[in-house]
Protein backbone atom coordinates (compact mmCIF):
# COMPACT_ATOMS: atom_id res chain seq x y z
CA MET A 1 0.00 0.00 0.00
CA LYS A 2 2.87 2.39 0.78
CA ARG A 3 4.28 1.80 -2.72
CA PHE A 4 0.88 2.53 -4.23
CA ILE A 5 0.53 5.75 -2.26
CA ALA A 6 3.98 6.82 -3.42
CA GLY A 7 3.05 6.08 -7.01
CA PHE A 8 -0.25 7.87 -6.68
CA THR A 9 1.50 10.90 -5.20
CA LEU A 10 3.92 10.90 -8.12
CA PHE A 11 0.96 10.65 -10.48
CA LEU A 12 -0.77 13.66 -8.95
CA THR A 13 2.45 15.64 -9.11
CA ILE A 14 3.39 14.98 -12.72
CA VAL A 15 0.04 15.24 -14.46
CA GLY A 16 -0.09 18.92 -13.73
CA CYS A 17 3.28 19.77 -15.26
CA GLY A 18 3.87 17.29 -18.08
CA VAL A 19 5.44 13.86 -17.87
CA SER A 20 9.06 13.21 -18.80
CA THR A 21 10.22 9.77 -19.93
CA GLN A 22 11.99 9.27 -16.59
CA GLN A 23 8.81 10.11 -14.69
CA GLU A 24 6.80 7.81 -16.94
CA VAL A 25 9.18 4.93 -16.21
CA GLU A 26 9.14 5.64 -12.47
CA LEU A 27 5.36 5.69 -12.40
CA GLY A 28 5.09 2.57 -14.55
CA THR A 29 7.60 0.70 -12.38
CA GLN A 30 5.73 1.49 -9.19
CA TYR A 31 2.39 0.60 -10.68
CA ALA A 32 3.71 -2.64 -12.24
CA GLN A 33 4.80 -3.72 -8.77
CA GLN A 34 1.22 -3.40 -7.61
CA ILE A 35 -0.12 -5.26 -10.63
CA ASN A 36 2.35 -8.10 -10.17
CA ALA A 37 1.31 -8.40 -6.52
CA GLN A 38 -2.38 -8.57 -7.43
CA LEU A 39 -2.50 -10.70 -10.58
CA PRO A 40 -1.39 -14.33 -11.07
CA ILE A 41 1.76 -13.63 -13.09
CA VAL A 42 3.27 -16.73 -14.72
CA ASP A 43 6.76 -17.49 -13.40
CA ASP A 44 7.65 -20.27 -15.85
CA PRO A 45 11.15 -19.36 -17.17
CA GLU A 46 10.60 -20.75 -20.68
CA ILE A 47 7.29 -18.92 -21.11
CA ASN A 48 8.77 -15.69 -19.80
CA ARG A 49 11.83 -16.02 -22.00
CA TYR A 50 9.73 -16.50 -25.14
CA ILE A 51 7.31 -13.65 -24.52
CA ASN A 52 10.15 -11.25 -23.70
CA ILE A 53 12.21 -12.22 -26.74
CA LEU A 54 9.18 -11.81 -28.98
CA GLY A 55 8.14 -8.57 -27.30
CA ASP A 56 11.64 -7.10 -27.45
CA SER A 57 11.97 -8.00 -31.14
CA ILE A 58 9.05 -5.64 -31.78
CA ALA A 59 9.50 -3.00 -29.06
CA LEU A 60 13.19 -2.30 -29.55
CA LEU A 61 12.46 -1.30 -33.15
CA SER A 62 9.51 0.90 -32.22
CA ASP A 63 10.80 3.53 -29.81
CA ASP A 64 13.94 5.66 -29.63
CA ARG A 65 13.72 6.39 -25.89
CA ALA A 66 15.74 3.29 -24.92
CA LEU A 67 12.99 1.99 -22.62
CA ASP A 68 13.65 -1.20 -20.67
CA TRP A 69 10.69 -3.27 -21.81
CA HIS A 70 9.08 -5.98 -19.68
CA PHE A 71 6.53 -8.53 -20.90
CA PHE A 72 4.39 -10.68 -18.61
CA VAL A 73 1.93 -13.54 -19.07
CA VAL A 74 -1.05 -13.51 -16.70
CA ASN A 75 -2.50 -16.89 -15.75
CA SER A 76 -6.08 -15.96 -16.56
CA LYS A 77 -8.48 -17.51 -19.04
CA GLU A 78 -9.94 -14.07 -19.73
CA VAL A 79 -9.00 -12.78 -23.18
CA ASN A 80 -7.13 -9.55 -22.56
CA ALA A 81 -3.88 -7.63 -22.86
CA PHE A 82 -2.85 -4.24 -21.54
CA ALA A 83 0.05 -1.83 -21.30
CA VAL A 84 1.43 0.20 -18.41
CA PRO A 85 3.42 3.40 -19.01
CA GLY A 86 7.17 3.02 -19.20
CA GLY A 87 7.26 -0.27 -21.11
CA PHE A 88 5.32 -2.89 -19.12
CA ILE A 89 3.13 -5.15 -21.27
CA TYR A 90 0.78 -7.85 -19.97
CA VAL A 91 -0.99 -10.54 -21.99
CA ASN A 92 -3.46 -13.01 -20.53
CA ARG A 93 -3.13 -16.73 -21.02
CA GLY A 94 -6.61 -16.76 -22.57
CA LEU A 95 -5.49 -14.52 -25.42
CA ILE A 96 -2.40 -16.63 -26.11
CA GLU A 97 -4.58 -19.73 -26.28
CA ARG A 98 -6.85 -17.96 -28.79
CA SER A 99 -3.90 -17.07 -31.04
CA THR A 100 -3.62 -19.57 -33.88
CA ASN A 101 -0.27 -18.33 -35.20
CA LEU A 102 2.72 -16.21 -34.28
CA ALA A 103 1.50 -13.21 -36.28
CA GLN A 104 -1.66 -12.90 -34.20
CA LEU A 105 0.14 -12.77 -30.86
CA ALA A 106 2.77 -10.43 -32.32
CA GLY A 107 0.00 -8.15 -33.55
CA VAL A 108 -1.48 -7.89 -30.05
CA LEU A 109 1.95 -7.12 -28.58
CA GLY A 110 2.58 -4.52 -31.28
CA HIS A 111 -0.73 -2.86 -30.49
CA GLU A 112 -0.01 -2.68 -26.75
CA ILE A 113 3.55 -1.48 -27.39
CA ALA A 114 2.07 1.32 -29.50
CA HIS A 115 -0.07 2.46 -26.57
CA VAL A 116 3.20 3.02 -24.69
CA THR A 117 5.11 4.67 -27.52
CA GLU A 118 2.17 6.98 -28.24
CA ARG A 119 1.80 7.65 -24.49
CA HIS A 120 -1.93 6.96 -24.53
CA SER A 121 -1.95 5.95 -20.85
CA ILE A 122 -0.34 9.23 -19.87
CA GLU A 123 -3.09 11.06 -21.72
CA GLN A 124 -5.67 8.94 -19.89
CA MET A 125 -4.04 9.75 -16.56
CA GLU A 126 -4.39 13.44 -17.18
CA LYS A 127 -8.06 12.98 -18.01
CA SER A 128 -8.80 10.62 -15.13
CA GLN A 129 -7.20 12.93 -12.59
CA LYS A 130 -9.77 15.51 -13.60
CA ALA A 131 -12.68 13.08 -13.75
CA ASN A 132 -11.73 11.32 -10.47
CA ILE A 133 -13.33 8.05 -11.51
CA GLY A 134 -12.18 4.86 -9.75
CA VAL A 135 -12.02 1.38 -11.26
CA THR A 136 -11.18 -2.04 -9.89
CA LEU A 137 -8.20 -3.81 -11.41
CA GLY A 138 -9.57 -7.29 -10.91
CA CYS A 139 -13.02 -6.33 -12.17
CA ILE A 140 -11.68 -5.01 -15.47
CA LEU A 141 -9.02 -7.62 -16.14
CA LEU A 142 -10.28 -10.79 -14.46
CA LYS A 143 -13.91 -9.95 -13.62
CA ALA A 144 -12.95 -10.28 -9.95
CA CYS A 145 -15.58 -7.76 -8.89
CA ASN A 146 -16.10 -9.47 -5.54
CA ASP A 147 -12.75 -8.25 -4.22
CA PRO A 148 -13.24 -4.88 -2.48
CA ALA A 149 -9.63 -4.87 -1.30
CA THR A 150 -8.52 -4.61 -4.91
CA GLY A 151 -10.92 -1.77 -5.48
CA GLN A 152 -9.48 0.13 -2.56
CA LEU A 153 -5.95 -0.30 -3.87
CA ILE A 154 -6.47 0.57 -7.53
CA ASN A 155 -8.16 3.94 -7.95
CA ALA A 156 -7.22 6.99 -9.98
CA VAL A 157 -4.12 5.58 -11.66
CA GLY A 158 -6.05 2.41 -12.48
CA THR A 159 -8.70 4.47 -14.18
CA ALA A 160 -6.09 5.81 -16.57
CA VAL A 161 -4.48 2.49 -17.41
CA PHE A 162 -7.49 0.20 -17.59
CA ALA A 163 -10.32 2.37 -18.80
CA GLY A 164 -10.82 1.80 -22.50
CA PHE A 165 -8.80 4.00 -24.79
CA SER A 166 -10.59 6.28 -27.21
CA ARG A 167 -11.42 5.10 -30.69
CA LYS A 168 -8.74 7.48 -31.99
CA ALA A 169 -6.11 6.01 -29.68
CA GLU A 170 -7.04 2.48 -30.69
CA SER A 171 -6.78 3.43 -34.36
CA GLU A 172 -3.36 5.00 -33.77
CA ALA A 173 -2.18 1.87 -31.98
CA ASP A 174 -3.43 -0.30 -34.84
CA GLU A 175 -1.58 1.79 -37.41
CA LYS A 176 1.66 1.75 -35.41
CA ALA A 177 1.31 -1.98 -34.75
CA VAL A 178 1.27 -2.74 -38.48
CA THR A 179 4.55 -0.86 -38.87
CA TYR A 180 6.19 -2.23 -35.73
CA VAL A 181 5.36 -5.87 -36.44
CA ALA A 182 6.56 -5.62 -40.04
CA ARG A 183 9.84 -4.10 -38.86
CA ALA A 184 10.31 -7.20 -36.71
CA ASN A 185 9.96 -9.35 -39.87
CA ILE A 186 6.56 -10.65 -38.78
CA HIS A 187 3.53 -10.39 -41.06
CA PRO A 188 0.98 -7.86 -39.74
CA ILE A 189 -1.89 -9.93 -41.14
CA GLY A 190 -2.24 -11.32 -37.64
CA ILE A 191 -3.79 -8.05 -36.50
CA PRO A 192 -7.01 -8.21 -38.54
CA GLN A 193 -7.03 -12.00 -38.12
CA MET A 194 -7.18 -11.67 -34.35
CA PHE A 195 -9.82 -8.96 -34.57
CA SER A 196 -11.95 -11.26 -36.74
CA GLN A 197 -11.61 -14.13 -34.30
CA LEU A 198 -12.57 -12.01 -31.32
CA LEU A 199 -15.60 -10.56 -33.09
CA GLU A 200 -16.74 -14.03 -34.09
CA GLU A 201 -16.39 -15.27 -30.54
CA ARG A 202 -18.35 -12.28 -29.24
CA ARG A 203 -21.23 -13.39 -31.48
CA SER A 204 -21.10 -17.05 -30.46
CA ARG A 205 -19.79 -16.95 -26.88
CA PRO A 206 -19.66 -13.35 -25.63
CA ALA A 207 -18.69 -14.21 -22.04
CA GLY A 208 -15.36 -15.55 -23.24
CA VAL A 209 -14.18 -12.19 -24.57
CA GLU A 210 -16.02 -9.84 -22.23
CA ALA A 211 -12.83 -8.52 -20.62
CA TRP A 212 -11.28 -7.66 -23.99
CA PHE A 213 -14.27 -5.71 -25.25
CA ALA A 214 -14.58 -3.87 -21.94
CA THR A 215 -11.28 -2.10 -22.63
CA HIS A 216 -10.77 -2.42 -26.40
CA PRO A 217 -13.47 -0.89 -28.62
CA LEU A 218 -13.57 -3.20 -31.63
CA GLU A 219 -15.90 -3.21 -34.61
CA GLU A 220 -15.74 -4.44 -38.20
CA ASP A 221 -14.25 -1.17 -39.43
CA ARG A 222 -10.99 -1.83 -37.56
CA ILE A 223 -10.57 -5.04 -39.53
CA ALA A 224 -11.04 -3.14 -42.78
CA GLU A 225 -8.72 -0.33 -41.68
CA THR A 226 -5.84 -2.60 -40.68
CA THR A 227 -6.29 -4.71 -43.81
CA ASN A 228 -6.08 -1.54 -45.89
CA LEU A 229 -2.90 -0.49 -44.08
CA ILE A 230 -1.31 -3.86 -44.81
CA GLN A 231 -2.22 -3.58 -48.48
CA LYS A 232 -0.16 -0.38 -48.65
CA VAL A 233 3.00 -2.27 -47.71
CA ASP A 234 5.19 -3.33 -50.61
CA PRO A 235 4.03 -6.87 -51.60
CA ALA A 236 7.65 -7.87 -52.13
CA ILE A 237 8.32 -7.05 -48.46
CA LEU A 238 5.19 -8.83 -47.22
CA GLN A 239 6.31 -12.02 -48.96
CA THR A 240 9.45 -12.09 -46.82
CA LEU A 241 7.64 -11.74 -43.49
CA THR A 242 6.98 -14.61 -41.08
CA THR A 243 3.44 -15.65 -40.20
CA ASP A 244 4.12 -18.64 -38.00
CA THR A 245 6.90 -20.74 -36.48
CA PRO A 246 7.15 -24.13 -34.72
CA ARG A 247 8.62 -22.34 -31.69
CA PHE A 248 5.41 -20.35 -31.26
CA HIS A 249 3.37 -23.55 -31.06
CA GLU A 250 5.79 -25.03 -28.53
CA PHE A 251 5.29 -21.87 -26.47
CA LYS A 252 1.53 -22.06 -26.82
CA GLN A 253 1.53 -25.72 -25.78
CA ARG A 254 3.57 -24.87 -22.69
CA VAL A 255 1.11 -22.12 -21.79
CA ALA A 256 -1.76 -24.58 -22.19
CA SER A 257 0.00 -26.98 -19.78
CA LEU A 258 0.10 -24.43 -16.98
CA PRO A 259 -1.88 -25.17 -13.82
CA ALA A 260 -5.46 -23.95 -13.87
CA PRO A 261 -5.78 -20.22 -13.19
CA PRO A 262 -6.40 -19.42 -9.53
CA PRO A 263 -9.85 -18.20 -8.49
CA PRO A 264 -10.33 -14.45 -8.08
CA ARG A 265 -8.82 -13.13 -4.87
CA GLN A 266 -11.39 -12.87 -2.11
CA ALA A 267 -11.56 -10.10 0.43
CA ARG A 268 -10.51 -11.15 3.91
């Protein structure tokens, strides 16, 4: 709790005078500590190694601020992914299990990386400080709405990070993701592919993707927009890009073999 208060104090201080990269990293580091204490973060070394190598292959080509990126897998069946300022990216087990190829997971990571590079969370923080709206971390990410202790811990900063981004911000992240993923020699076709899968699941089994749609506005037009962006890339370049690898499926199989996700944390 003391770490959260310190981070919240930093948040209140910096939103009024602009946020430097150093301040963004400090805030993100403090907030990531709280997230990692609250969510069931996977500690399997092989899983962590893969997600960080894949994430770094995209992130290190996307930003010139020399951020120290960190990628985490959350042991939750909920389909979701999110980014914390300063270079902290989280992806739920449920989303990895929905990914049918490397390009789809890479597209999600590229999108979340873009939220950091475009500083969308910082913009949200400035807005949320004015609105003073609280959210519950577990409720948004894991539907753990029966945990009031979490709600007490995650308030104004949580609003900024986990409230859904604007349609404009999502579009910007999509556009950047196409570029970032292609730079990493991965085909960006996974971006509209994943969107299509999630929309189809919302029609057939909406509860399975409820967490994703709570924070990621997604309609058919985003599929068309990202497809159009991909079509603008030189076809000769697209032909050289990777869509899938055996290593991705080994990673996915290892994720599937993890112990069952723990139940939502209960208030004492």
